[in-house]
Amino acid sequence: MKTNTKKLAYLGAGCGIVLFAIYGLLPGSFLGGVMGLNIAGSILGTPVASGIVSRLIVAASMVTGVMVSGVIFLTAFATAGWLAGALVEACTAKKCLSAAKS
């Protein structure tokens, strides 16, 4: 009966990917970009010039922000799906059904 837990975990992961694409991609990029500008400003000086190093720092921070946002969405929704599957399996087990009948 472990297949329900696995199926619902995959379903939760799929929902997490879709919701990440809708709600997490752009904010992750924005927050990573702001962090990159702050890092580049502290390393290279406050008025950040448009040099290659500062652009690389901002780009790396944007990619990191998107990746962290994706990991959070995927992990949270896959865990929620797995927990829902475990709850369904626990409630449909023979012990639970036999206890409910008596």
N, C-alpha and C. Protein backbone atom coordinates (compact mmCIF):
# COMPACT_ATOMS: atom_id res chain seq x y z
N MET A 1 0.80 -1.20 0.00
CA MET A 1 0.00 0.00 0.00
C MET A 1 0.84 1.27 0.00
N LYS A 2 2.15 1.14 -0.14
CA LYS A 2 3.01 2.32 -0.14
C LYS A 2 2.92 3.10 -1.44
N THR A 3 2.23 2.57 -2.44
CA THR A 3 2.18 3.26 -3.72
C THR A 3 1.35 4.54 -3.63
N ASN A 4 0.35 4.59 -2.75
CA ASN A 4 -0.43 5.82 -2.62
C ASN A 4 0.43 6.95 -2.08
N THR A 5 1.27 6.66 -1.13
CA THR A 5 2.16 7.68 -0.58
C THR A 5 3.11 8.19 -1.64
N LYS A 6 3.66 7.27 -2.42
CA LYS A 6 4.60 7.66 -3.47
C LYS A 6 3.91 8.46 -4.56
N LYS A 7 2.71 8.04 -4.95
CA LYS A 7 1.97 8.75 -5.99
C LYS A 7 1.61 10.16 -5.54
N LEU A 8 1.16 10.29 -4.30
CA LEU A 8 0.79 11.62 -3.82
C LEU A 8 2.02 12.51 -3.60
N ALA A 9 3.16 11.91 -3.29
CA ALA A 9 4.39 12.70 -3.19
C ALA A 9 4.79 13.23 -4.58
N TYR A 10 4.67 12.39 -5.59
CA TYR A 10 4.94 12.86 -6.95
C TYR A 10 3.94 13.91 -7.40
N LEU A 11 2.69 13.73 -7.05
CA LEU A 11 1.67 14.71 -7.38
C LEU A 11 1.96 16.04 -6.70
N GLY A 12 2.37 15.99 -5.43
CA GLY A 12 2.74 17.22 -4.72
C GLY A 12 3.95 17.88 -5.34
N ALA A 13 4.92 17.09 -5.77
CA ALA A 13 6.11 17.66 -6.43
C ALA A 13 5.73 18.33 -7.74
N GLY A 14 4.82 17.72 -8.49
CA GLY A 14 4.36 18.33 -9.73
C GLY A 14 3.63 19.63 -9.48
N CYS A 15 2.79 19.65 -8.47
CA CYS A 15 2.10 20.90 -8.11
C CYS A 15 3.10 21.95 -7.66
N GLY A 16 4.14 21.53 -6.94
CA GLY A 16 5.17 22.47 -6.51
C GLY A 16 5.92 23.08 -7.67
N ILE A 17 6.20 22.28 -8.69
CA ILE A 17 6.89 22.81 -9.87
C ILE A 17 6.02 23.82 -10.61
N VAL A 18 4.75 23.50 -10.74
CA VAL A 18 3.83 24.42 -11.44
C VAL A 18 3.70 25.72 -10.65
N LEU A 19 3.51 25.62 -9.34
CA LEU A 19 3.38 26.83 -8.54
C LEU A 19 4.69 27.61 -8.47
N PHE A 20 5.82 26.93 -8.53
CA PHE A 20 7.09 27.63 -8.61
C PHE A 20 7.19 28.43 -9.90
N ALA A 21 6.76 27.83 -11.00
CA ALA A 21 6.82 28.53 -12.28
C ALA A 21 5.92 29.76 -12.28
N ILE A 22 4.79 29.67 -11.56
CA ILE A 22 3.85 30.80 -11.53
C ILE A 22 4.26 31.85 -10.50
N TYR A 23 4.56 31.41 -9.27
CA TYR A 23 4.75 32.35 -8.17
C TYR A 23 6.18 32.48 -7.66
N GLY A 24 7.09 31.62 -8.02
CA GLY A 24 8.41 31.65 -7.42
C GLY A 24 9.54 32.08 -8.32
N LEU A 25 9.37 31.99 -9.60
CA LEU A 25 10.47 32.26 -10.53
C LEU A 25 10.88 33.74 -10.53
N LEU A 26 9.92 34.61 -10.71
CA LEU A 26 10.22 36.04 -10.78
C LEU A 26 10.67 36.61 -9.43
N PRO A 27 9.96 36.31 -8.31
CA PRO A 27 10.46 36.83 -7.03
C PRO A 27 11.83 36.28 -6.64
N GLY A 28 12.12 35.03 -6.97
CA GLY A 28 13.44 34.48 -6.70
C GLY A 28 14.51 35.22 -7.48
N SER A 29 14.22 35.56 -8.71
CA SER A 29 15.16 36.30 -9.53
C SER A 29 15.36 37.72 -8.99
N PHE A 30 14.26 38.37 -8.60
CA PHE A 30 14.37 39.72 -8.06
C PHE A 30 15.16 39.75 -6.76
N LEU A 31 14.83 38.85 -5.84
CA LEU A 31 15.53 38.85 -4.56
C LEU A 31 17.00 38.48 -4.73
N GLY A 32 17.29 37.54 -5.61
CA GLY A 32 18.69 37.20 -5.89
C GLY A 32 19.44 38.35 -6.53
N GLY A 33 18.78 39.10 -7.40
CA GLY A 33 19.42 40.25 -8.03
C GLY A 33 19.73 41.35 -7.03
N VAL A 34 18.81 41.59 -6.11
CA VAL A 34 19.05 42.61 -5.09
C VAL A 34 20.20 42.19 -4.18
N MET A 35 20.21 40.91 -3.81
CA MET A 35 21.32 40.40 -3.00
C MET A 35 22.65 40.54 -3.76
N GLY A 36 22.63 40.25 -5.05
CA GLY A 36 23.83 40.39 -5.86
C GLY A 36 24.31 41.83 -5.95
N LEU A 37 23.37 42.76 -6.08
CA LEU A 37 23.76 44.17 -6.09
C LEU A 37 24.36 44.59 -4.76
N ASN A 38 23.80 44.10 -3.67
CA ASN A 38 24.36 44.42 -2.35
C ASN A 38 25.76 43.83 -2.19
N ILE A 39 25.93 42.60 -2.63
CA ILE A 39 27.25 41.96 -2.54
C ILE A 39 28.26 42.68 -3.43
N ALA A 40 27.87 42.97 -4.66
CA ALA A 40 28.78 43.68 -5.57
C ALA A 40 29.09 45.07 -5.05
N GLY A 41 28.12 45.73 -4.43
CA GLY A 41 28.36 47.06 -3.87
C GLY A 41 29.32 47.01 -2.70
N SER A 42 29.24 45.97 -1.88
CA SER A 42 30.15 45.88 -0.74
C SER A 42 31.55 45.46 -1.17
N ILE A 43 31.67 44.71 -2.23
CA ILE A 43 33.00 44.28 -2.69
C ILE A 43 33.66 45.33 -3.57
N LEU A 44 32.91 45.88 -4.52
CA LEU A 44 33.49 46.75 -5.54
C LEU A 44 33.25 48.24 -5.30
N GLY A 45 32.47 48.58 -4.31
CA GLY A 45 32.16 49.99 -4.07
C GLY A 45 30.70 50.27 -4.32
N THR A 46 30.18 51.29 -3.62
CA THR A 46 28.74 51.54 -3.61
C THR A 46 28.16 51.88 -4.98
N PRO A 47 28.63 52.86 -5.73
CA PRO A 47 28.05 52.99 -7.06
C PRO A 47 28.60 51.87 -7.95
N VAL A 48 27.81 50.83 -8.13
CA VAL A 48 28.27 49.64 -8.84
C VAL A 48 28.43 49.97 -10.32
N ALA A 49 29.64 49.79 -10.83
CA ALA A 49 29.91 50.03 -12.25
C ALA A 49 29.38 48.86 -13.06
N SER A 50 29.25 49.06 -14.34
CA SER A 50 28.72 48.01 -15.20
C SER A 50 29.84 47.15 -15.77
N GLY A 51 30.75 46.74 -14.93
CA GLY A 51 31.85 45.88 -15.35
C GLY A 51 31.43 44.43 -15.39
N ILE A 52 32.32 43.60 -15.88
CA ILE A 52 32.01 42.18 -16.03
C ILE A 52 31.92 41.50 -14.68
N VAL A 53 32.78 41.87 -13.74
CA VAL A 53 32.78 41.21 -12.43
C VAL A 53 31.47 41.47 -11.70
N SER A 54 31.01 42.72 -11.71
CA SER A 54 29.76 43.02 -11.02
C SER A 54 28.57 42.33 -11.70
N ARG A 55 28.59 42.25 -12.99
CA ARG A 55 27.51 41.54 -13.70
C ARG A 55 27.52 40.05 -13.40
N LEU A 56 28.70 39.46 -13.30
CA LEU A 56 28.80 38.04 -12.95
C LEU A 56 28.30 37.78 -11.53
N ILE A 57 28.60 38.69 -10.61
CA ILE A 57 28.13 38.53 -9.24
C ILE A 57 26.61 38.61 -9.19
N VAL A 58 26.03 39.57 -9.88
CA VAL A 58 24.57 39.72 -9.90
C VAL A 58 23.92 38.53 -10.59
N ALA A 59 24.49 38.06 -11.69
CA ALA A 59 23.92 36.91 -12.39
C ALA A 59 23.98 35.64 -11.55
N ALA A 60 25.10 35.43 -10.89
CA ALA A 60 25.22 34.25 -10.03
C ALA A 60 24.23 34.31 -8.86
N SER A 61 24.03 35.49 -8.33
CA SER A 61 23.07 35.64 -7.24
C SER A 61 21.63 35.44 -7.72
N MET A 62 21.33 35.88 -8.92
CA MET A 62 19.99 35.67 -9.47
C MET A 62 19.72 34.18 -9.68
N VAL A 63 20.69 33.48 -10.22
CA VAL A 63 20.53 32.03 -10.42
C VAL A 63 20.38 31.32 -9.08
N THR A 64 21.17 31.75 -8.09
CA THR A 64 21.06 31.15 -6.76
C THR A 64 19.69 31.42 -6.15
N GLY A 65 19.17 32.63 -6.32
CA GLY A 65 17.84 32.95 -5.80
C GLY A 65 16.75 32.10 -6.44
N VAL A 66 16.84 31.89 -7.73
CA VAL A 66 15.85 31.05 -8.43
C VAL A 66 15.97 29.61 -7.98
N MET A 67 17.19 29.11 -7.82
CA MET A 67 17.38 27.73 -7.38
C MET A 67 16.86 27.50 -5.96
N VAL A 68 17.13 28.43 -5.06
CA VAL A 68 16.65 28.30 -3.68
C VAL A 68 15.12 28.34 -3.65
N SER A 69 14.53 29.23 -4.41
CA SER A 69 13.08 29.30 -4.48
C SER A 69 12.49 28.00 -5.01
N GLY A 70 13.09 27.45 -6.04
CA GLY A 70 12.62 26.18 -6.60
C GLY A 70 12.74 25.03 -5.62
N VAL A 71 13.85 24.96 -4.91
CA VAL A 71 14.04 23.90 -3.92
C VAL A 71 13.01 24.01 -2.81
N ILE A 72 12.73 25.23 -2.37
CA ILE A 72 11.75 25.42 -1.31
C ILE A 72 10.36 24.98 -1.77
N PHE A 73 9.94 25.42 -2.95
CA PHE A 73 8.62 25.03 -3.46
C PHE A 73 8.53 23.52 -3.65
N LEU A 74 9.53 22.93 -4.27
CA LEU A 74 9.50 21.50 -4.57
C LEU A 74 9.49 20.67 -3.29
N THR A 75 10.35 21.02 -2.35
CA THR A 75 10.42 20.26 -1.10
C THR A 75 9.15 20.39 -0.29
N ALA A 76 8.62 21.59 -0.20
CA ALA A 76 7.42 21.81 0.61
C ALA A 76 6.22 21.05 0.05
N PHE A 77 6.01 21.12 -1.24
CA PHE A 77 4.83 20.48 -1.81
C PHE A 77 4.99 18.96 -1.91
N ALA A 78 6.20 18.48 -2.15
CA ALA A 78 6.41 17.03 -2.16
C ALA A 78 6.21 16.46 -0.76
N THR A 79 6.67 17.17 0.25
CA THR A 79 6.46 16.72 1.63
C THR A 79 4.99 16.75 2.00
N ALA A 80 4.28 17.78 1.58
CA ALA A 80 2.84 17.86 1.85
C ALA A 80 2.10 16.72 1.17
N GLY A 81 2.47 16.38 -0.06
CA GLY A 81 1.85 15.26 -0.76
C GLY A 81 2.16 13.94 -0.10
N TRP A 82 3.39 13.77 0.34
CA TRP A 82 3.77 12.54 1.03
C TRP A 82 3.01 12.39 2.33
N LEU A 83 2.88 13.48 3.09
CA LEU A 83 2.12 13.43 4.34
C LEU A 83 0.65 13.12 4.10
N ALA A 84 0.08 13.68 3.04
CA ALA A 84 -1.32 13.38 2.71
C ALA A 84 -1.47 11.91 2.34
N GLY A 85 -0.51 11.36 1.59
CA GLY A 85 -0.56 9.94 1.25
C GLY A 85 -0.41 9.05 2.46
N ALA A 86 0.47 9.42 3.37
CA ALA A 86 0.64 8.64 4.60
C ALA A 86 -0.63 8.68 5.45
N LEU A 87 -1.29 9.82 5.48
CA LEU A 87 -2.54 9.95 6.23
C LEU A 87 -3.64 9.10 5.60
N VAL A 88 -3.71 9.10 4.29
CA VAL A 88 -4.71 8.28 3.60
C VAL A 88 -4.44 6.81 3.85
N GLU A 89 -3.18 6.40 3.78
CA GLU A 89 -2.85 4.99 4.05
C GLU A 89 -3.13 4.60 5.49
N ALA A 90 -2.88 5.50 6.41
CA ALA A 90 -3.14 5.19 7.81
C ALA A 90 -4.63 5.04 8.07
N CYS A 91 -5.43 5.85 7.41
CA CYS A 91 -6.88 5.79 7.63
C CYS A 91 -7.53 4.62 6.89
N THR A 92 -6.90 4.14 5.83
CA THR A 92 -7.48 3.02 5.10
C THR A 92 -6.88 1.68 5.50
N ALA A 93 -6.02 1.68 6.49
CA ALA A 93 -5.43 0.42 6.96
C ALA A 93 -6.51 -0.43 7.63
N LYS A 94 -6.26 -1.72 7.71
CA LYS A 94 -7.26 -2.63 8.27
C LYS A 94 -7.51 -2.35 9.75
N LYS A 95 -6.48 -1.93 10.47
CA LYS A 95 -6.66 -1.62 11.88
C LYS A 95 -7.63 -0.46 12.06
N CYS A 96 -7.45 0.57 11.26
CA CYS A 96 -8.28 1.75 11.38
C CYS A 96 -9.72 1.43 10.98
N LEU A 97 -9.89 0.63 9.94
CA LEU A 97 -11.23 0.28 9.50
C LEU A 97 -11.91 -0.66 10.48
N SER A 98 -11.16 -1.60 11.04
CA SER A 98 -11.76 -2.51 12.00
C SER A 98 -12.11 -1.82 13.30
N ALA A 99 -11.33 -0.82 13.70
CA ALA A 99 -11.62 -0.07 14.91
C ALA A 99 -12.84 0.81 14.70
N ALA A 100 -13.04 1.30 13.50
CA ALA A 100 -14.18 2.15 13.23
C ALA A 100 -15.48 1.35 13.18
N LYS A 101 -15.41 0.08 12.78
CA LYS A 101 -16.61 -0.74 12.68
C LYS A 101 -17.11 -1.17 14.07
N SER A 102 -16.21 -1.38 15.01
CA SER A 102 -16.64 -1.85 16.31
C SER A 102 -16.94 -0.74 17.28
